[in-house]
Amino acid sequence: MRSGNTLVIDLDTMVPPLKTKYDSAELPLSKLIFNRESLFKDYMTVVKDEENYDMMKSKNQYYLNEKFSLIVLSNMQDESCDDEIIQMVLDELPNEDQFLKLYIEATD
């Protein structure tokens, strides 16, 4: 987040229960992590003391780089993975309506 890199969460073929099992006070997926506006406003709530420094290693100067982005990647290569499976992933993705969705089809 500090350097403006892209965080890729590779789900492969899994449908993890993000909303029901992993959304917590310690890892607020719905309220913060998967909510871009809130994340850019309140990111310090998830920054630990030992992480609170800037690119020059200046203590207490952490900031979230505006180029930071988050990608959730699913693998549809397996023939048993279809649109219903992808919909299940979307149903478990907090604030999925805020995401740009790209579907890339393999070519022969």
N, C-alpha and C. Protein backbone atom coordinates (compact mmCIF):
# COMPACT_ATOMS: atom_id res chain seq x y z
N MET A 1 0.83 -1.19 0.00
CA MET A 1 0.00 0.00 0.00
C MET A 1 0.87 1.25 0.00
N ARG A 2 1.97 1.18 0.72
CA ARG A 2 2.86 2.32 0.85
C ARG A 2 3.51 2.70 -0.48
N SER A 3 3.88 1.69 -1.25
CA SER A 3 4.62 1.95 -2.49
C SER A 3 3.73 2.06 -3.72
N GLY A 4 2.44 1.85 -3.56
CA GLY A 4 1.52 1.99 -4.69
C GLY A 4 1.46 0.78 -5.59
N ASN A 5 1.91 -0.36 -5.09
CA ASN A 5 1.86 -1.59 -5.88
C ASN A 5 0.44 -2.15 -5.92
N THR A 6 0.28 -3.17 -6.72
CA THR A 6 -1.00 -3.86 -6.83
C THR A 6 -0.97 -5.11 -5.96
N LEU A 7 -1.97 -5.27 -5.13
CA LEU A 7 -2.13 -6.47 -4.32
C LEU A 7 -3.07 -7.41 -5.07
N VAL A 8 -2.57 -8.60 -5.41
CA VAL A 8 -3.39 -9.59 -6.11
C VAL A 8 -3.75 -10.70 -5.13
N ILE A 9 -5.03 -10.92 -4.95
CA ILE A 9 -5.53 -12.03 -4.14
C ILE A 9 -5.96 -13.11 -5.13
N ASP A 10 -5.14 -14.15 -5.24
CA ASP A 10 -5.38 -15.21 -6.21
C ASP A 10 -6.22 -16.31 -5.55
N LEU A 11 -7.48 -16.35 -5.90
CA LEU A 11 -8.39 -17.35 -5.34
C LEU A 11 -8.28 -18.69 -6.05
N ASP A 12 -7.63 -18.70 -7.21
CA ASP A 12 -7.54 -19.88 -8.06
C ASP A 12 -8.96 -20.37 -8.31
N THR A 13 -9.31 -21.57 -7.88
CA THR A 13 -10.67 -22.08 -8.12
C THR A 13 -11.51 -22.12 -6.85
N MET A 14 -11.01 -21.49 -5.79
CA MET A 14 -11.72 -21.51 -4.51
C MET A 14 -12.82 -20.45 -4.44
N VAL A 15 -13.78 -20.70 -3.58
CA VAL A 15 -14.82 -19.73 -3.26
C VAL A 15 -14.76 -19.55 -1.74
N PRO A 16 -13.83 -18.72 -1.27
CA PRO A 16 -13.68 -18.56 0.18
C PRO A 16 -14.83 -17.75 0.78
N PRO A 17 -15.25 -18.10 1.97
CA PRO A 17 -16.35 -17.38 2.63
C PRO A 17 -15.86 -16.05 3.22
N LEU A 18 -15.51 -15.12 2.35
CA LEU A 18 -14.92 -13.85 2.79
C LEU A 18 -15.85 -13.07 3.71
N LYS A 19 -17.11 -12.96 3.34
CA LYS A 19 -18.06 -12.19 4.14
C LYS A 19 -18.41 -12.87 5.46
N THR A 20 -18.58 -14.18 5.40
CA THR A 20 -19.11 -14.89 6.57
C THR A 20 -18.05 -15.38 7.54
N LYS A 21 -16.83 -15.63 7.07
CA LYS A 21 -15.82 -16.20 7.95
C LYS A 21 -14.62 -15.30 8.19
N TYR A 22 -14.23 -14.50 7.21
CA TYR A 22 -12.97 -13.75 7.32
C TYR A 22 -13.13 -12.26 7.57
N ASP A 23 -14.32 -11.75 7.52
CA ASP A 23 -14.56 -10.33 7.78
C ASP A 23 -14.66 -10.13 9.30
N SER A 24 -13.70 -9.41 9.87
CA SER A 24 -13.65 -9.27 11.33
C SER A 24 -13.18 -7.87 11.72
N ALA A 25 -13.16 -7.58 13.00
CA ALA A 25 -12.67 -6.29 13.48
C ALA A 25 -11.18 -6.13 13.18
N GLU A 26 -10.44 -7.23 13.25
CA GLU A 26 -9.00 -7.17 12.97
C GLU A 26 -8.70 -7.06 11.49
N LEU A 27 -9.55 -7.64 10.67
CA LEU A 27 -9.42 -7.58 9.21
C LEU A 27 -10.77 -7.17 8.62
N PRO A 28 -11.09 -5.87 8.68
CA PRO A 28 -12.41 -5.40 8.25
C PRO A 28 -12.56 -5.37 6.73
N LEU A 29 -12.88 -6.51 6.17
CA LEU A 29 -12.97 -6.62 4.71
C LEU A 29 -14.08 -5.73 4.14
N SER A 30 -15.29 -5.83 4.69
CA SER A 30 -16.43 -5.07 4.17
C SER A 30 -16.29 -3.57 4.40
N LYS A 31 -15.92 -3.20 5.60
CA LYS A 31 -15.88 -1.78 5.97
C LYS A 31 -14.64 -1.06 5.45
N LEU A 32 -13.54 -1.79 5.20
CA LEU A 32 -12.30 -1.10 4.87
C LEU A 32 -11.54 -1.69 3.68
N ILE A 33 -11.08 -2.91 3.78
CA ILE A 33 -10.17 -3.48 2.80
C ILE A 33 -10.78 -3.52 1.40
N PHE A 34 -12.03 -3.96 1.28
CA PHE A 34 -12.69 -4.03 -0.02
C PHE A 34 -13.62 -2.83 -0.25
N ASN A 35 -13.33 -1.73 0.39
CA ASN A 35 -14.09 -0.50 0.22
C ASN A 35 -13.08 0.62 -0.03
N ARG A 36 -12.81 0.89 -1.28
CA ARG A 36 -11.72 1.80 -1.66
C ARG A 36 -11.81 3.17 -0.97
N GLU A 37 -12.98 3.76 -0.97
CA GLU A 37 -13.14 5.08 -0.37
C GLU A 37 -12.79 5.06 1.12
N SER A 38 -13.31 4.09 1.83
CA SER A 38 -13.01 3.97 3.27
C SER A 38 -11.55 3.64 3.51
N LEU A 39 -10.99 2.77 2.67
CA LEU A 39 -9.58 2.39 2.83
C LEU A 39 -8.68 3.61 2.71
N PHE A 40 -8.91 4.45 1.72
CA PHE A 40 -8.06 5.62 1.53
C PHE A 40 -8.28 6.67 2.62
N LYS A 41 -9.42 6.61 3.28
CA LYS A 41 -9.70 7.56 4.36
C LYS A 41 -9.19 7.06 5.71
N ASP A 42 -9.36 5.77 5.99
CA ASP A 42 -9.09 5.22 7.32
C ASP A 42 -8.03 4.12 7.34
N TYR A 43 -7.11 4.13 6.40
CA TYR A 43 -6.13 3.05 6.29
C TYR A 43 -5.27 2.87 7.53
N MET A 44 -5.07 3.91 8.31
CA MET A 44 -4.21 3.80 9.49
C MET A 44 -4.79 2.85 10.55
N THR A 45 -6.06 2.54 10.47
CA THR A 45 -6.65 1.62 11.45
C THR A 45 -6.12 0.19 11.29
N VAL A 46 -5.54 -0.14 10.14
CA VAL A 46 -4.98 -1.48 9.94
C VAL A 46 -3.45 -1.48 9.85
N VAL A 47 -2.84 -0.31 9.97
CA VAL A 47 -1.37 -0.22 9.95
C VAL A 47 -0.85 -0.44 11.36
N LYS A 48 0.03 -1.42 11.51
CA LYS A 48 0.62 -1.72 12.82
C LYS A 48 1.73 -0.71 13.12
N ASP A 49 2.04 -0.53 14.40
CA ASP A 49 3.08 0.42 14.82
C ASP A 49 4.39 0.17 14.10
N GLU A 50 4.78 -1.10 13.98
CA GLU A 50 6.05 -1.42 13.33
C GLU A 50 6.03 -1.19 11.82
N GLU A 51 4.85 -0.98 11.24
CA GLU A 51 4.71 -0.69 9.81
C GLU A 51 4.58 0.81 9.54
N ASN A 52 4.47 1.60 10.58
CA ASN A 52 4.18 3.02 10.45
C ASN A 52 5.44 3.83 10.14
N TYR A 53 5.84 3.78 8.88
CA TYR A 53 6.96 4.59 8.39
C TYR A 53 6.74 4.82 6.89
N ASP A 54 7.40 5.84 6.36
CA ASP A 54 7.23 6.15 4.94
C ASP A 54 8.32 5.49 4.09
N MET A 55 8.39 5.85 2.82
CA MET A 55 9.37 5.25 1.91
C MET A 55 10.81 5.58 2.29
N MET A 56 11.00 6.63 3.05
CA MET A 56 12.35 7.02 3.50
C MET A 56 12.64 6.48 4.89
N LYS A 57 11.76 5.62 5.40
CA LYS A 57 11.88 4.99 6.72
C LYS A 57 11.66 5.97 7.88
N SER A 58 11.01 7.09 7.61
CA SER A 58 10.70 8.07 8.66
C SER A 58 9.52 7.54 9.48
N LYS A 59 9.75 7.38 10.78
CA LYS A 59 8.75 6.82 11.69
C LYS A 59 7.51 7.71 11.77
N ASN A 60 6.35 7.08 11.91
CA ASN A 60 5.05 7.76 12.05
C ASN A 60 4.67 8.61 10.84
N GLN A 61 5.16 8.23 9.67
CA GLN A 61 4.87 9.00 8.45
C GLN A 61 4.25 8.13 7.35
N TYR A 62 3.64 7.03 7.75
CA TYR A 62 3.05 6.13 6.76
C TYR A 62 1.93 6.84 6.01
N TYR A 63 1.87 6.58 4.71
CA TYR A 63 0.74 7.07 3.93
C TYR A 63 0.41 6.04 2.85
N LEU A 64 -0.82 6.00 2.48
CA LEU A 64 -1.29 5.08 1.45
C LEU A 64 -1.12 5.74 0.09
N ASN A 65 -0.30 5.14 -0.75
CA ASN A 65 -0.04 5.66 -2.08
C ASN A 65 -1.31 5.59 -2.92
N GLU A 66 -1.64 6.67 -3.60
CA GLU A 66 -2.88 6.72 -4.39
C GLU A 66 -2.89 5.73 -5.56
N LYS A 67 -1.73 5.18 -5.92
CA LYS A 67 -1.66 4.21 -7.01
C LYS A 67 -1.94 2.78 -6.55
N PHE A 68 -2.11 2.59 -5.25
CA PHE A 68 -2.40 1.25 -4.73
C PHE A 68 -3.69 0.72 -5.34
N SER A 69 -3.68 -0.54 -5.73
CA SER A 69 -4.90 -1.17 -6.24
C SER A 69 -4.96 -2.62 -5.77
N LEU A 70 -6.14 -3.15 -5.84
CA LEU A 70 -6.43 -4.50 -5.35
C LEU A 70 -7.10 -5.29 -6.46
N ILE A 71 -6.58 -6.48 -6.72
CA ILE A 71 -7.15 -7.37 -7.73
C ILE A 71 -7.53 -8.68 -7.06
N VAL A 72 -8.73 -9.16 -7.35
CA VAL A 72 -9.15 -10.49 -6.91
C VAL A 72 -9.20 -11.34 -8.17
N LEU A 73 -8.37 -12.37 -8.21
CA LEU A 73 -8.19 -13.19 -9.40
C LEU A 73 -8.80 -14.57 -9.21
N SER A 74 -9.62 -14.99 -10.16
CA SER A 74 -10.19 -16.34 -10.15
C SER A 74 -9.75 -17.07 -11.41
N ASN A 75 -9.59 -18.37 -11.29
CA ASN A 75 -9.15 -19.21 -12.40
C ASN A 75 -10.33 -20.02 -12.92
N MET A 76 -10.67 -19.82 -14.19
CA MET A 76 -11.79 -20.55 -14.78
C MET A 76 -11.34 -21.61 -15.77
N GLN A 77 -10.05 -21.98 -15.75
CA GLN A 77 -9.56 -22.96 -16.72
C GLN A 77 -10.18 -24.34 -16.53
N ASP A 78 -10.44 -24.70 -15.30
CA ASP A 78 -11.05 -26.01 -15.03
C ASP A 78 -12.45 -26.03 -15.64
N GLU A 79 -12.75 -27.07 -16.39
CA GLU A 79 -14.05 -27.13 -17.07
C GLU A 79 -15.23 -27.20 -16.10
N SER A 80 -14.98 -27.54 -14.85
CA SER A 80 -16.07 -27.57 -13.86
C SER A 80 -16.36 -26.17 -13.30
N CYS A 81 -15.51 -25.21 -13.63
CA CYS A 81 -15.74 -23.82 -13.19
C CYS A 81 -16.56 -23.11 -14.26
N ASP A 82 -17.70 -22.60 -13.86
CA ASP A 82 -18.57 -21.92 -14.81
C ASP A 82 -19.05 -20.60 -14.23
N ASP A 83 -19.98 -19.97 -14.91
CA ASP A 83 -20.50 -18.68 -14.47
C ASP A 83 -21.13 -18.75 -13.08
N GLU A 84 -21.73 -19.88 -12.75
CA GLU A 84 -22.33 -20.03 -11.41
C GLU A 84 -21.27 -19.98 -10.32
N ILE A 85 -20.13 -20.59 -10.56
CA ILE A 85 -19.03 -20.56 -9.59
C ILE A 85 -18.53 -19.13 -9.43
N ILE A 86 -18.35 -18.44 -10.54
CA ILE A 86 -17.89 -17.05 -10.47
C ILE A 86 -18.91 -16.19 -9.74
N GLN A 87 -20.19 -16.45 -9.94
CA GLN A 87 -21.21 -15.70 -9.20
C GLN A 87 -21.11 -15.99 -7.71
N MET A 88 -20.77 -17.21 -7.34
CA MET A 88 -20.58 -17.54 -5.93
C MET A 88 -19.41 -16.74 -5.35
N VAL A 89 -18.34 -16.59 -6.13
CA VAL A 89 -17.20 -15.77 -5.70
C VAL A 89 -17.66 -14.33 -5.50
N LEU A 90 -18.38 -13.80 -6.46
CA LEU A 90 -18.87 -12.42 -6.36
C LEU A 90 -19.80 -12.25 -5.16
N ASP A 91 -20.62 -13.24 -4.88
CA ASP A 91 -21.53 -13.16 -3.73
C ASP A 91 -20.77 -13.11 -2.41
N GLU A 92 -19.58 -13.68 -2.37
CA GLU A 92 -18.76 -13.66 -1.14
C GLU A 92 -17.79 -12.49 -1.08
N LEU A 93 -17.70 -11.73 -2.15
CA LEU A 93 -16.77 -10.60 -2.21
C LEU A 93 -17.44 -9.35 -1.65
N PRO A 94 -16.96 -8.84 -0.52
CA PRO A 94 -17.56 -7.63 0.04
C PRO A 94 -17.49 -6.46 -0.94
N ASN A 95 -18.57 -5.75 -1.08
CA ASN A 95 -18.64 -4.56 -1.93
C ASN A 95 -18.29 -4.85 -3.38
N GLU A 96 -18.68 -6.00 -3.87
CA GLU A 96 -18.32 -6.39 -5.24
C GLU A 96 -18.84 -5.40 -6.27
N ASP A 97 -19.86 -4.66 -5.93
CA ASP A 97 -20.40 -3.67 -6.86
C ASP A 97 -19.44 -2.52 -7.11
N GLN A 98 -18.43 -2.35 -6.25
CA GLN A 98 -17.44 -1.29 -6.42
C GLN A 98 -16.27 -1.71 -7.32
N PHE A 99 -16.22 -2.98 -7.68
CA PHE A 99 -15.10 -3.51 -8.46
C PHE A 99 -15.38 -3.45 -9.96
N LEU A 100 -14.33 -3.16 -10.71
CA LEU A 100 -14.37 -3.33 -12.16
C LEU A 100 -14.14 -4.81 -12.41
N LYS A 101 -14.98 -5.42 -13.22
CA LYS A 101 -14.86 -6.85 -13.47
C LYS A 101 -14.42 -7.09 -14.90
N LEU A 102 -13.38 -7.89 -15.05
CA LEU A 102 -12.88 -8.26 -16.38
C LEU A 102 -12.92 -9.77 -16.52
N TYR A 103 -13.44 -10.24 -17.62
CA TYR A 103 -13.47 -11.66 -17.92
C TYR A 103 -12.59 -11.88 -19.14
N ILE A 104 -11.57 -12.69 -18.99
CA ILE A 104 -10.63 -12.94 -20.08
C ILE A 104 -10.82 -14.37 -20.54
N GLU A 105 -11.16 -14.53 -21.79
CA GLU A 105 -11.38 -15.86 -22.34
C GLU A 105 -10.13 -16.35 -23.04
N ALA A 106 -9.82 -17.62 -22.84
CA ALA A 106 -8.67 -18.22 -23.51
C ALA A 106 -8.96 -18.35 -25.00
N THR A 107 -7.94 -18.20 -25.79
CA THR A 107 -8.09 -18.38 -27.23
C THR A 107 -7.35 -19.64 -27.65
N ASP A 108 -7.82 -20.23 -28.72
CA ASP A 108 -7.18 -21.47 -29.21
C ASP A 108 -5.91 -21.17 -29.97
